[in-house]
Amino acid sequence: MSPESKAARNVHLKNPADLVGRLELAGPESVLLVDSPGELSTLVAGARSGGKTTRETSGDAIRSVKEKFDAIVVWREDRSGSRSIFERAVDRLEPGGALWIVTAMKKVRGPLTPAVHRLELSDLVKAFGKEGLAYDREVRVTAWNVAYRFVKREPRLAASYPEERGDAFSLSFRGAKRRGIP
């Protein structure tokens, strides 16, 4: 996002005194903010102290960021071009990190992006499910925007779920179970 369009976007954060705490951005050692408005960037940088890294970038320049981060916040309302930005953000996320996607809510009349072009939670769950990330929770950021948190899913052990193993025994077991054979 260019500095002109970033400056033109005036965002009124919802409960700014508590927002960094609700997004859990004060604790991580490194935070990356992608396309975030100036108000959010200033708030996050001011709440973090003690040599913790806070870096800002635009969606177009995320390719130049090479290091990994404990928390990443991507402010993205429009579907167009979001896939490549999300893929690059996931690549820069530490294994135990949290990815926050801030997007415009579907049924509000404030954002510049038309409702038909806005990202929805179902789009994000589908996109990040392929990357092994699961929807964790959401936080209201403004009157029109909500942040969705995605974290790595805990892997399930196949041994603890025999019906999901796919071997001959478990397949015959499922068939017997359907036919009522004990």
N, C-alpha and C. Protein backbone atom coordinates (compact mmCIF):
# COMPACT_ATOMS: atom_id res chain seq x y z
N MET A 1 0.84 -1.16 0.00
CA MET A 1 0.00 0.00 0.00
C MET A 1 0.89 1.23 0.00
N SER A 2 0.59 2.17 -0.85
CA SER A 2 1.41 3.36 -0.94
C SER A 2 1.19 4.26 0.27
N PRO A 3 2.18 5.11 0.61
CA PRO A 3 2.02 6.01 1.75
C PRO A 3 0.85 6.95 1.59
N GLU A 4 0.54 7.34 0.33
CA GLU A 4 -0.58 8.25 0.12
C GLU A 4 -1.90 7.60 0.48
N SER A 5 -2.10 6.35 0.03
CA SER A 5 -3.37 5.68 0.33
C SER A 5 -3.44 5.29 1.80
N LYS A 6 -2.27 5.02 2.41
CA LYS A 6 -2.25 4.69 3.83
C LYS A 6 -2.65 5.91 4.66
N ALA A 7 -2.16 7.08 4.26
CA ALA A 7 -2.48 8.30 4.98
C ALA A 7 -3.93 8.69 4.75
N ALA A 8 -4.47 8.36 3.56
CA ALA A 8 -5.84 8.73 3.24
C ALA A 8 -6.85 7.90 4.03
N ARG A 9 -6.45 6.73 4.47
CA ARG A 9 -7.37 5.85 5.20
C ARG A 9 -7.37 6.26 6.67
N ASN A 10 -8.50 6.76 7.13
CA ASN A 10 -8.64 7.17 8.52
C ASN A 10 -9.40 6.09 9.27
N VAL A 11 -8.74 5.46 10.24
CA VAL A 11 -9.33 4.33 10.95
C VAL A 11 -9.55 4.72 12.40
N HIS A 12 -10.75 4.43 12.88
CA HIS A 12 -11.07 4.68 14.29
C HIS A 12 -11.08 3.33 15.00
N LEU A 13 -10.01 3.06 15.71
CA LEU A 13 -9.87 1.77 16.39
C LEU A 13 -10.85 1.66 17.54
N LYS A 14 -11.36 0.47 17.72
CA LYS A 14 -12.32 0.19 18.79
C LYS A 14 -11.55 -0.13 20.06
N ASN A 15 -11.75 0.66 21.10
CA ASN A 15 -11.08 0.49 22.39
C ASN A 15 -9.57 0.34 22.21
N PRO A 16 -8.90 1.40 21.71
CA PRO A 16 -7.47 1.28 21.41
C PRO A 16 -6.59 1.00 22.63
N ALA A 17 -7.02 1.39 23.82
CA ALA A 17 -6.22 1.15 25.01
C ALA A 17 -6.05 -0.34 25.28
N ASP A 18 -7.01 -1.15 24.87
CA ASP A 18 -6.99 -2.58 25.15
C ASP A 18 -6.72 -3.43 23.91
N LEU A 19 -6.65 -2.81 22.74
CA LEU A 19 -6.58 -3.56 21.48
C LEU A 19 -5.31 -4.40 21.37
N VAL A 20 -4.17 -3.87 21.73
CA VAL A 20 -2.91 -4.63 21.63
C VAL A 20 -2.96 -5.85 22.55
N GLY A 21 -3.57 -5.70 23.72
CA GLY A 21 -3.73 -6.83 24.63
C GLY A 21 -4.67 -7.89 24.09
N ARG A 22 -5.77 -7.46 23.48
CA ARG A 22 -6.72 -8.43 22.92
C ARG A 22 -6.13 -9.18 21.73
N LEU A 23 -5.27 -8.50 20.97
CA LEU A 23 -4.60 -9.15 19.84
C LEU A 23 -3.33 -9.89 20.28
N GLU A 24 -2.97 -9.76 21.53
CA GLU A 24 -1.78 -10.42 22.10
C GLU A 24 -0.52 -10.08 21.31
N LEU A 25 -0.31 -8.78 21.05
CA LEU A 25 0.84 -8.35 20.27
C LEU A 25 1.95 -7.74 21.14
N ALA A 26 1.72 -7.57 22.43
CA ALA A 26 2.75 -7.01 23.30
C ALA A 26 3.80 -8.05 23.69
N GLY A 27 3.43 -9.32 23.75
CA GLY A 27 4.33 -10.36 24.21
C GLY A 27 5.32 -10.92 23.21
N PRO A 28 4.93 -11.17 21.95
CA PRO A 28 5.85 -11.80 21.00
C PRO A 28 7.12 -10.98 20.79
N GLU A 29 8.22 -11.69 20.54
CA GLU A 29 9.51 -11.03 20.31
C GLU A 29 9.53 -10.26 18.99
N SER A 30 8.82 -10.76 17.98
CA SER A 30 8.82 -10.09 16.68
C SER A 30 7.41 -10.08 16.10
N VAL A 31 7.03 -8.90 15.57
CA VAL A 31 5.71 -8.72 14.97
C VAL A 31 5.88 -8.07 13.61
N LEU A 32 5.16 -8.60 12.62
CA LEU A 32 5.14 -8.02 11.28
C LEU A 32 3.74 -7.48 11.01
N LEU A 33 3.66 -6.21 10.60
CA LEU A 33 2.39 -5.57 10.26
C LEU A 33 2.38 -5.36 8.74
N VAL A 34 1.39 -5.94 8.08
CA VAL A 34 1.28 -5.85 6.62
C VAL A 34 0.06 -5.01 6.27
N ASP A 35 0.29 -3.92 5.54
CA ASP A 35 -0.78 -3.01 5.09
C ASP A 35 -1.62 -2.46 6.24
N SER A 36 -1.05 -2.32 7.41
CA SER A 36 -1.83 -1.83 8.54
C SER A 36 -1.93 -0.31 8.49
N PRO A 37 -3.05 0.24 8.94
CA PRO A 37 -3.19 1.70 8.98
C PRO A 37 -2.24 2.29 10.02
N GLY A 38 -1.94 3.57 9.86
CA GLY A 38 -0.99 4.24 10.74
C GLY A 38 -1.38 4.19 12.20
N GLU A 39 -2.66 4.28 12.50
CA GLU A 39 -3.12 4.26 13.89
C GLU A 39 -2.76 2.95 14.57
N LEU A 40 -2.96 1.83 13.87
CA LEU A 40 -2.65 0.53 14.45
C LEU A 40 -1.14 0.34 14.59
N SER A 41 -0.38 0.75 13.59
CA SER A 41 1.07 0.64 13.64
C SER A 41 1.65 1.42 14.81
N THR A 42 1.18 2.63 15.00
CA THR A 42 1.65 3.47 16.11
C THR A 42 1.28 2.85 17.44
N LEU A 43 0.07 2.34 17.55
CA LEU A 43 -0.40 1.71 18.79
C LEU A 43 0.43 0.48 19.14
N VAL A 44 0.69 -0.38 18.17
CA VAL A 44 1.46 -1.61 18.42
C VAL A 44 2.90 -1.27 18.78
N ALA A 45 3.52 -0.36 18.02
CA ALA A 45 4.92 0.01 18.30
C ALA A 45 5.05 0.65 19.67
N GLY A 46 4.07 1.44 20.08
CA GLY A 46 4.12 2.09 21.39
C GLY A 46 3.92 1.14 22.55
N ALA A 47 3.18 0.06 22.33
CA ALA A 47 2.88 -0.89 23.41
C ALA A 47 4.00 -1.90 23.61
N ARG A 48 4.87 -2.04 22.62
CA ARG A 48 5.95 -3.02 22.71
C ARG A 48 7.22 -2.33 23.19
N SER A 49 7.96 -2.99 24.06
CA SER A 49 9.17 -2.37 24.59
C SER A 49 10.28 -3.40 24.75
N GLY A 50 11.46 -2.93 25.10
CA GLY A 50 12.55 -3.83 25.46
C GLY A 50 13.19 -4.57 24.31
N GLY A 51 13.45 -3.91 23.20
CA GLY A 51 14.16 -4.55 22.10
C GLY A 51 13.35 -5.52 21.27
N LYS A 52 12.05 -5.49 21.40
CA LYS A 52 11.20 -6.35 20.59
C LYS A 52 11.05 -5.74 19.20
N THR A 53 11.08 -6.58 18.20
CA THR A 53 11.04 -6.13 16.81
C THR A 53 9.61 -5.93 16.34
N THR A 54 9.34 -4.76 15.79
CA THR A 54 8.06 -4.48 15.13
C THR A 54 8.39 -3.94 13.75
N ARG A 55 7.96 -4.65 12.73
CA ARG A 55 8.28 -4.24 11.36
C ARG A 55 7.01 -4.05 10.56
N GLU A 56 7.00 -3.00 9.75
CA GLU A 56 5.87 -2.71 8.88
C GLU A 56 6.28 -2.92 7.43
N THR A 57 5.35 -3.40 6.63
CA THR A 57 5.58 -3.54 5.20
C THR A 57 4.25 -3.48 4.47
N SER A 58 4.33 -3.29 3.18
CA SER A 58 3.11 -3.32 2.37
C SER A 58 2.96 -4.73 1.81
N GLY A 59 1.79 -5.02 1.31
CA GLY A 59 1.55 -6.33 0.73
C GLY A 59 2.42 -6.58 -0.49
N ASP A 60 2.71 -5.53 -1.24
CA ASP A 60 3.56 -5.66 -2.42
C ASP A 60 5.02 -5.91 -2.06
N ALA A 61 5.46 -5.38 -0.91
CA ALA A 61 6.87 -5.48 -0.52
C ALA A 61 7.14 -6.62 0.45
N ILE A 62 6.16 -7.46 0.73
CA ILE A 62 6.37 -8.54 1.69
C ILE A 62 7.40 -9.55 1.17
N ARG A 63 7.61 -9.60 -0.14
CA ARG A 63 8.63 -10.48 -0.71
C ARG A 63 10.02 -10.14 -0.20
N SER A 64 10.26 -8.87 0.09
CA SER A 64 11.60 -8.44 0.52
C SER A 64 11.87 -8.78 1.99
N VAL A 65 10.84 -9.16 2.74
CA VAL A 65 11.02 -9.53 4.14
C VAL A 65 11.48 -10.99 4.17
N LYS A 66 12.65 -11.22 4.76
CA LYS A 66 13.21 -12.57 4.75
C LYS A 66 13.13 -13.27 6.10
N GLU A 67 13.09 -12.53 7.21
CA GLU A 67 13.08 -13.16 8.53
C GLU A 67 11.68 -13.67 8.88
N LYS A 68 11.63 -14.49 9.93
CA LYS A 68 10.36 -15.05 10.42
C LYS A 68 9.91 -14.27 11.65
N PHE A 69 8.58 -14.28 11.90
CA PHE A 69 7.99 -13.50 12.97
C PHE A 69 7.09 -14.36 13.85
N ASP A 70 6.99 -13.98 15.13
CA ASP A 70 6.14 -14.69 16.08
C ASP A 70 4.67 -14.35 15.89
N ALA A 71 4.40 -13.15 15.42
CA ALA A 71 3.02 -12.73 15.15
C ALA A 71 3.01 -11.88 13.90
N ILE A 72 2.01 -12.10 13.06
CA ILE A 72 1.86 -11.33 11.83
C ILE A 72 0.43 -10.83 11.76
N VAL A 73 0.27 -9.54 11.46
CA VAL A 73 -1.05 -8.94 11.28
C VAL A 73 -1.14 -8.46 9.84
N VAL A 74 -2.10 -9.00 9.10
CA VAL A 74 -2.32 -8.60 7.71
C VAL A 74 -3.67 -7.90 7.64
N TRP A 75 -3.67 -6.64 7.22
CA TRP A 75 -4.91 -5.87 7.07
C TRP A 75 -5.30 -5.97 5.61
N ARG A 76 -6.33 -6.75 5.33
CA ARG A 76 -6.71 -7.00 3.94
C ARG A 76 -8.22 -7.09 3.85
N GLU A 77 -8.84 -6.19 3.09
CA GLU A 77 -10.29 -6.21 2.94
C GLU A 77 -10.72 -6.81 1.61
N ASP A 78 -9.91 -6.66 0.60
CA ASP A 78 -10.28 -7.05 -0.76
C ASP A 78 -9.73 -8.44 -1.10
N ARG A 79 -10.51 -9.21 -1.86
CA ARG A 79 -10.08 -10.55 -2.28
C ARG A 79 -8.94 -10.50 -3.29
N SER A 80 -8.96 -9.51 -4.16
CA SER A 80 -7.98 -9.49 -5.26
C SER A 80 -6.56 -9.32 -4.73
N GLY A 81 -5.69 -10.24 -5.13
CA GLY A 81 -4.30 -10.21 -4.72
C GLY A 81 -4.02 -10.72 -3.33
N SER A 82 -5.05 -11.14 -2.62
CA SER A 82 -4.85 -11.55 -1.23
C SER A 82 -4.17 -12.90 -1.11
N ARG A 83 -4.36 -13.77 -2.07
CA ARG A 83 -3.80 -15.12 -1.98
C ARG A 83 -2.27 -15.10 -1.89
N SER A 84 -1.63 -14.32 -2.74
CA SER A 84 -0.16 -14.27 -2.73
C SER A 84 0.35 -13.62 -1.44
N ILE A 85 -0.34 -12.62 -0.95
CA ILE A 85 0.06 -11.98 0.31
C ILE A 85 -0.08 -12.95 1.46
N PHE A 86 -1.17 -13.71 1.50
CA PHE A 86 -1.37 -14.68 2.58
C PHE A 86 -0.32 -15.79 2.53
N GLU A 87 0.01 -16.27 1.34
CA GLU A 87 1.03 -17.32 1.21
C GLU A 87 2.37 -16.84 1.73
N ARG A 88 2.73 -15.61 1.39
CA ARG A 88 4.00 -15.06 1.86
C ARG A 88 3.98 -14.82 3.36
N ALA A 89 2.85 -14.42 3.89
CA ALA A 89 2.75 -14.21 5.34
C ALA A 89 2.90 -15.53 6.09
N VAL A 90 2.28 -16.59 5.59
CA VAL A 90 2.40 -17.91 6.23
C VAL A 90 3.85 -18.39 6.19
N ASP A 91 4.55 -18.11 5.09
CA ASP A 91 5.95 -18.51 4.97
C ASP A 91 6.83 -17.79 6.00
N ARG A 92 6.42 -16.61 6.43
CA ARG A 92 7.23 -15.82 7.37
C ARG A 92 6.80 -16.00 8.82
N LEU A 93 5.88 -16.91 9.07
CA LEU A 93 5.37 -17.15 10.42
C LEU A 93 6.20 -18.22 11.12
N GLU A 94 6.62 -17.93 12.36
CA GLU A 94 7.34 -18.91 13.17
C GLU A 94 6.40 -20.08 13.46
N PRO A 95 6.94 -21.29 13.71
CA PRO A 95 6.07 -22.45 13.95
C PRO A 95 5.02 -22.27 15.05
N GLY A 96 5.33 -21.60 16.13
CA GLY A 96 4.36 -21.42 17.20
C GLY A 96 3.64 -20.09 17.15
N GLY A 97 3.74 -19.40 16.03
CA GLY A 97 3.21 -18.04 15.92
C GLY A 97 1.74 -17.96 15.60
N ALA A 98 1.24 -16.72 15.66
CA ALA A 98 -0.17 -16.45 15.37
C ALA A 98 -0.26 -15.52 14.17
N LEU A 99 -1.19 -15.82 13.28
CA LEU A 99 -1.45 -15.00 12.11
C LEU A 99 -2.81 -14.35 12.28
N TRP A 100 -2.84 -13.02 12.28
CA TRP A 100 -4.08 -12.26 12.39
C TRP A 100 -4.42 -11.67 11.03
N ILE A 101 -5.63 -11.89 10.57
CA ILE A 101 -6.11 -11.30 9.32
C ILE A 101 -7.23 -10.34 9.67
N VAL A 102 -7.02 -9.06 9.38
CA VAL A 102 -8.04 -8.05 9.64
C VAL A 102 -8.76 -7.78 8.33
N THR A 103 -10.06 -7.94 8.35
CA THR A 103 -10.85 -7.76 7.14
C THR A 103 -12.15 -7.04 7.47
N ALA A 104 -12.79 -6.50 6.46
CA ALA A 104 -14.06 -5.81 6.65
C ALA A 104 -15.17 -6.83 6.82
N MET A 105 -16.09 -6.53 7.71
CA MET A 105 -17.22 -7.42 7.91
C MET A 105 -18.15 -7.33 6.70
N LYS A 106 -18.90 -8.38 6.47
CA LYS A 106 -19.71 -8.50 5.27
C LYS A 106 -20.87 -7.51 5.22
N LYS A 107 -21.57 -7.35 6.31
CA LYS A 107 -22.83 -6.60 6.26
C LYS A 107 -22.74 -5.22 6.90
N VAL A 108 -21.67 -4.50 6.62
CA VAL A 108 -21.56 -3.13 7.11
C VAL A 108 -21.36 -2.20 5.94
N ARG A 109 -21.69 -0.92 6.12
CA ARG A 109 -21.62 0.03 5.03
C ARG A 109 -20.59 1.13 5.30
N GLY A 110 -19.40 0.81 5.66
CA GLY A 110 -18.39 1.82 5.90
C GLY A 110 -17.15 1.67 5.05
N PRO A 111 -16.65 0.46 4.90
CA PRO A 111 -15.41 0.26 4.14
C PRO A 111 -15.55 0.63 2.68
N LEU A 112 -14.43 0.97 2.06
CA LEU A 112 -14.43 1.32 0.64
C LEU A 112 -14.64 0.11 -0.26
N THR A 113 -14.25 -1.06 0.20
CA THR A 113 -14.39 -2.27 -0.60
C THR A 113 -15.85 -2.70 -0.64
N PRO A 114 -16.42 -2.90 -1.84
CA PRO A 114 -17.81 -3.37 -1.92
C PRO A 114 -17.97 -4.73 -1.24
N ALA A 115 -19.13 -4.98 -0.68
CA ALA A 115 -19.37 -6.20 0.09
C ALA A 115 -19.11 -7.47 -0.73
N VAL A 116 -19.38 -7.44 -2.01
CA VAL A 116 -19.21 -8.64 -2.83
C VAL A 116 -17.73 -9.00 -3.00
N HIS A 117 -16.82 -8.05 -2.81
CA HIS A 117 -15.39 -8.29 -2.98
C HIS A 117 -14.65 -8.49 -1.66
N ARG A 118 -15.36 -8.47 -0.55
CA ARG A 118 -14.71 -8.59 0.75
C ARG A 118 -14.38 -10.04 1.08
N LEU A 119 -13.30 -10.20 1.84
CA LEU A 119 -12.93 -11.52 2.35
C LEU A 119 -13.85 -11.90 3.49
N GLU A 120 -14.19 -13.16 3.56
CA GLU A 120 -15.03 -13.67 4.64
C GLU A 120 -14.25 -14.71 5.43
N LEU A 121 -14.74 -15.03 6.62
CA LEU A 121 -14.10 -16.04 7.45
C LEU A 121 -14.03 -17.38 6.73
N SER A 122 -15.08 -17.75 6.02
CA SER A 122 -15.07 -19.05 5.32
C SER A 122 -13.95 -19.11 4.27
N ASP A 123 -13.67 -17.98 3.59
CA ASP A 123 -12.57 -17.93 2.63
C ASP A 123 -11.24 -18.16 3.33
N LEU A 124 -11.08 -17.52 4.49
CA LEU A 124 -9.81 -17.61 5.22
C LEU A 124 -9.60 -19.01 5.80
N VAL A 125 -10.66 -19.60 6.35
CA VAL A 125 -10.55 -20.95 6.92
C VAL A 125 -10.15 -21.94 5.84
N LYS A 126 -10.74 -21.81 4.66
CA LYS A 126 -10.41 -22.71 3.55
C LYS A 126 -8.96 -22.51 3.10
N ALA A 127 -8.52 -21.26 2.98
CA ALA A 127 -7.17 -20.97 2.51
C ALA A 127 -6.11 -21.44 3.50
N PHE A 128 -6.31 -21.16 4.78
CA PHE A 128 -5.29 -21.48 5.77
C PHE A 128 -5.37 -22.92 6.25
N GLY A 129 -6.49 -23.59 6.04
CA GLY A 129 -6.59 -25.01 6.39
C GLY A 129 -5.60 -25.84 5.60
N LYS A 130 -5.35 -25.46 4.36
CA LYS A 130 -4.39 -26.16 3.52
C LYS A 130 -2.96 -25.99 4.04
N GLU A 131 -2.73 -24.90 4.76
CA GLU A 131 -1.40 -24.60 5.31
C GLU A 131 -1.21 -25.17 6.71
N GLY A 132 -2.24 -25.85 7.24
CA GLY A 132 -2.15 -26.41 8.58
C GLY A 132 -2.50 -25.43 9.68
N LEU A 133 -3.11 -24.31 9.32
CA LEU A 133 -3.52 -23.31 10.31
C LEU A 133 -5.02 -23.43 10.57
N ALA A 134 -5.39 -23.25 11.81
CA ALA A 134 -6.80 -23.36 12.18
C ALA A 134 -7.30 -22.05 12.78
N TYR A 135 -8.54 -21.72 12.51
CA TYR A 135 -9.18 -20.53 13.08
C TYR A 135 -9.28 -20.72 14.59
N ASP A 136 -8.82 -19.70 15.32
CA ASP A 136 -8.77 -19.79 16.77
C ASP A 136 -9.81 -18.88 17.42
N ARG A 137 -9.81 -17.62 17.05
CA ARG A 137 -10.77 -16.68 17.62
C ARG A 137 -10.78 -15.39 16.81
N GLU A 138 -11.63 -14.44 17.22
CA GLU A 138 -11.71 -13.16 16.53
C GLU A 138 -11.77 -12.01 17.51
N VAL A 139 -11.34 -10.84 17.05
CA VAL A 139 -11.33 -9.61 17.85
C VAL A 139 -11.86 -8.49 16.99
N ARG A 140 -12.78 -7.72 17.51
CA ARG A 140 -13.31 -6.55 16.80
C ARG A 140 -12.26 -5.45 16.85
N VAL A 141 -11.85 -4.91 15.71
CA VAL A 141 -10.80 -3.90 15.64
C VAL A 141 -11.38 -2.51 15.45
N THR A 142 -12.34 -2.36 14.57
CA THR A 142 -13.05 -1.10 14.36
C THR A 142 -14.54 -1.43 14.27
N ALA A 143 -15.33 -0.40 14.03
CA ALA A 143 -16.77 -0.64 13.86
C ALA A 143 -17.05 -1.48 12.63
N TRP A 144 -16.13 -1.48 11.66
CA TRP A 144 -16.33 -2.20 10.40
C TRP A 144 -15.40 -3.37 10.19
N ASN A 145 -14.35 -3.48 11.00
CA ASN A 145 -13.33 -4.50 10.76
C ASN A 145 -13.20 -5.46 11.93
N VAL A 146 -12.89 -6.70 11.59
CA VAL A 146 -12.68 -7.75 12.59
C VAL A 146 -11.39 -8.48 12.25
N ALA A 147 -10.65 -8.90 13.29
CA ALA A 147 -9.41 -9.65 13.10
C ALA A 147 -9.67 -11.11 13.45
N TYR A 148 -9.26 -12.00 12.56
CA TYR A 148 -9.39 -13.44 12.78
C TYR A 148 -7.99 -14.01 13.06
N ARG A 149 -7.88 -14.81 14.09
CA ARG A 149 -6.60 -15.39 14.47
C ARG A 149 -6.51 -16.83 13.98
N PHE A 150 -5.36 -17.16 13.38
CA PHE A 150 -5.08 -18.51 12.91
C PHE A 150 -3.78 -18.99 13.53
N VAL A 151 -3.79 -20.20 14.05
CA VAL A 151 -2.61 -20.81 14.66
C VAL A 151 -2.45 -22.22 14.11
N LYS A 152 -1.24 -22.77 14.30
CA LYS A 152 -0.98 -24.14 13.84
C LYS A 152 -1.88 -25.11 14.57
N ARG A 153 -2.45 -26.03 13.82
CA ARG A 153 -3.27 -27.10 14.39
C ARG A 153 -2.39 -28.09 15.10
N GLU A 154 -2.88 -28.64 16.19
CA GLU A 154 -2.19 -29.74 16.86
C GLU A 154 -2.38 -30.99 16.03
N PRO A 155 -1.29 -31.66 15.65
CA PRO A 155 -1.45 -32.87 14.84
C PRO A 155 -2.07 -34.00 15.64
N ARG A 156 -2.99 -34.71 15.00
CA ARG A 156 -3.61 -35.86 15.66
C ARG A 156 -2.83 -37.10 15.28
N LEU A 157 -2.65 -37.97 16.24
CA LEU A 157 -1.95 -39.21 15.98
C LEU A 157 -2.90 -40.23 15.36
N ALA A 158 -2.49 -40.83 14.26
CA ALA A 158 -3.34 -41.80 13.58
C ALA A 158 -3.59 -43.02 14.44
N ALA A 159 -2.64 -43.37 15.29
CA ALA A 159 -2.79 -44.55 16.13
C ALA A 159 -3.94 -44.39 17.11
N SER A 160 -4.23 -43.15 17.52
CA SER A 160 -5.31 -42.95 18.47
C SER A 160 -6.67 -42.90 17.79
N TYR A 161 -6.69 -42.86 16.46
CA TYR A 161 -7.94 -42.85 15.71
C TYR A 161 -7.88 -43.98 14.68
N PRO A 162 -8.15 -45.23 15.10
CA PRO A 162 -7.97 -46.36 14.18
C PRO A 162 -8.82 -46.27 12.93
N GLU A 163 -9.99 -45.64 13.00
CA GLU A 163 -10.84 -45.57 11.81
C GLU A 163 -10.25 -44.65 10.75
N GLU A 164 -9.26 -43.83 11.11
CA GLU A 164 -8.65 -42.93 10.14
C GLU A 164 -7.32 -43.46 9.61
N ARG A 165 -6.89 -44.64 10.06
CA ARG A 165 -5.59 -45.16 9.63
C ARG A 165 -5.59 -45.55 8.17
N GLY A 166 -6.66 -46.12 7.68
CA GLY A 166 -6.76 -46.50 6.28
C GLY A 166 -6.17 -47.86 5.97
N ASP A 167 -5.74 -48.61 6.98
CA ASP A 167 -5.20 -49.94 6.70
C ASP A 167 -6.36 -50.94 6.54
N ALA A 168 -6.03 -52.15 6.16
CA ALA A 168 -7.05 -53.16 5.88
C ALA A 168 -7.89 -53.48 7.10
N PHE A 169 -7.25 -53.54 8.28
CA PHE A 169 -8.01 -53.85 9.48
C PHE A 169 -9.04 -52.78 9.79
N SER A 170 -8.60 -51.53 9.75
CA SER A 170 -9.55 -50.47 10.12
C SER A 170 -10.66 -50.35 9.09
N LEU A 171 -10.34 -50.58 7.80
CA LEU A 171 -11.38 -50.52 6.78
C LEU A 171 -12.40 -51.64 6.98
N SER A 172 -11.93 -52.87 7.30
CA SER A 172 -12.86 -53.97 7.53
C SER A 172 -13.63 -53.75 8.83
N PHE A 173 -12.98 -53.12 9.80
CA PHE A 173 -13.63 -52.81 11.06
C PHE A 173 -14.80 -51.85 10.83
N ARG A 174 -14.58 -50.82 9.99
CA ARG A 174 -15.66 -49.87 9.72
C ARG A 174 -16.80 -50.55 8.98
N GLY A 175 -16.47 -51.45 8.04
CA GLY A 175 -17.51 -52.17 7.31
C GLY A 175 -18.32 -53.05 8.23
N ALA A 176 -17.66 -53.75 9.17
CA ALA A 176 -18.35 -54.61 10.12
C ALA A 176 -19.21 -53.77 11.05
N LYS A 177 -18.70 -52.61 11.40
CA LYS A 177 -19.43 -51.74 12.33
C LYS A 177 -20.73 -51.26 11.66
N ARG A 178 -20.67 -50.92 10.38
CA ARG A 178 -21.87 -50.47 9.66
C ARG A 178 -22.90 -51.59 9.53
N ARG A 179 -22.43 -52.84 9.39
CA ARG A 179 -23.36 -53.96 9.25
C ARG A 179 -23.90 -54.44 10.58
N GLY A 180 -23.43 -53.86 11.68
CA GLY A 180 -23.96 -54.24 13.00
C GLY A 180 -23.25 -55.42 13.62
N ILE A 181 -22.10 -55.81 13.08
CA ILE A 181 -21.35 -56.92 13.64
C ILE A 181 -20.46 -56.39 14.76
N PRO A 182 -20.55 -56.99 15.94
CA PRO A 182 -19.73 -56.47 17.06
C PRO A 182 -18.26 -56.75 16.93
